[in-house]
Amino acid sequence: MIKQSHLERIKALPDVFMLASLVQFKYIQTISTPNDTNFKVGLAGGHEVFGKPEQYNAFIDKYLTWLEMR
């Protein structure tokens, strides 16, 4: 599940950091919440990447840190 601190960090970001124009990280458009099997990261151009549920928190931490440093 999403840690409350992740939600607070997301809400604290200016709107511009939530735009689809961001990501290698700048190409990320969507991040699903994890289920029992995986979570999905949607990238610009229609590409999708899947991660294991146990990778979710580390991925979100790394992504949010990148956003906060921009």
Protein backbone atom coordinates (compact mmCIF):
# COMPACT_ATOMS: atom_id res chain seq x y z
CA MET A 1 0.00 0.00 0.00
CA ILE A 2 1.03 3.63 -0.33
CA LYS A 3 2.65 5.07 2.77
CA GLN A 4 0.96 8.22 4.03
CA SER A 5 4.30 10.04 3.79
CA HIS A 6 4.32 9.35 0.03
CA LEU A 7 0.90 10.94 -0.36
CA GLU A 8 1.97 13.95 1.67
CA ARG A 9 5.12 14.33 -0.46
CA ILE A 10 3.08 14.11 -3.67
CA LYS A 11 0.60 16.74 -2.44
CA ALA A 12 3.48 19.07 -1.51
CA LEU A 13 4.83 19.11 -5.08
CA PRO A 14 3.89 21.99 -7.39
CA ASP A 15 1.46 21.00 -10.14
CA VAL A 16 4.14 21.23 -12.82
CA PHE A 17 5.88 18.19 -11.34
CA MET A 18 2.78 16.09 -11.87
CA LEU A 19 2.77 16.65 -15.63
CA ALA A 20 3.38 13.84 -18.09
CA SER A 21 6.37 15.74 -19.52
CA LEU A 22 8.57 14.52 -16.67
CA VAL A 23 10.78 11.47 -16.55
CA GLN A 24 13.20 8.95 -17.73
CA PHE A 25 11.66 9.61 -14.69
CA LYS A 26 10.58 12.46 -17.02
CA TYR A 27 8.60 10.10 -19.26
CA ILE A 28 6.39 8.62 -16.52
CA GLN A 29 2.71 9.34 -17.04
CA THR A 30 1.06 7.00 -14.55
CA ILE A 31 1.97 4.82 -11.60
CA SER A 32 -0.60 2.34 -10.37
CA THR A 33 -0.88 1.21 -6.79
CA PRO A 34 0.49 -2.27 -6.22
CA ASN A 35 -1.74 -5.32 -6.10
CA ASP A 36 -0.77 -8.88 -5.13
CA THR A 37 1.07 -9.39 -8.41
CA ASN A 38 2.66 -6.12 -9.58
CA PHE A 39 2.37 -2.39 -10.11
CA LYS A 40 2.43 -0.63 -13.47
CA VAL A 41 4.29 2.46 -14.62
CA GLY A 42 2.89 4.02 -17.79
CA LEU A 43 5.36 5.94 -19.92
CA ALA A 44 4.93 8.45 -22.72
CA GLY A 45 4.45 6.74 -26.04
CA GLY A 46 2.28 4.01 -24.54
CA HIS A 47 5.03 1.90 -23.06
CA GLU A 48 4.31 0.13 -19.76
CA VAL A 49 6.76 -1.20 -17.21
CA PHE A 50 5.82 -3.55 -14.41
CA GLY A 51 7.38 -3.91 -10.97
CA LYS A 52 6.99 -6.39 -8.16
CA PRO A 53 4.87 -5.23 -5.20
CA GLU A 54 7.93 -5.36 -2.93
CA GLN A 55 9.73 -2.90 -5.26
CA TYR A 56 6.99 -0.26 -5.04
CA ASN A 57 8.12 1.69 -1.95
CA ALA A 58 11.74 1.92 -3.11
CA PHE A 59 10.59 3.01 -6.59
CA ILE A 60 8.25 5.69 -5.22
CA ASP A 61 10.92 6.97 -2.82
CA LYS A 62 13.44 7.28 -5.66
CA TYR A 63 10.90 8.94 -7.97
CA LEU A 64 9.69 11.42 -5.36
CA THR A 65 13.26 12.31 -4.44
CA TRP A 66 13.95 13.01 -8.10
CA LEU A 67 10.84 15.20 -8.33
CA GLU A 68 11.68 17.11 -5.16
CA MET A 69 15.18 17.90 -6.44
CA ARG A 70 13.93 19.41 -9.71
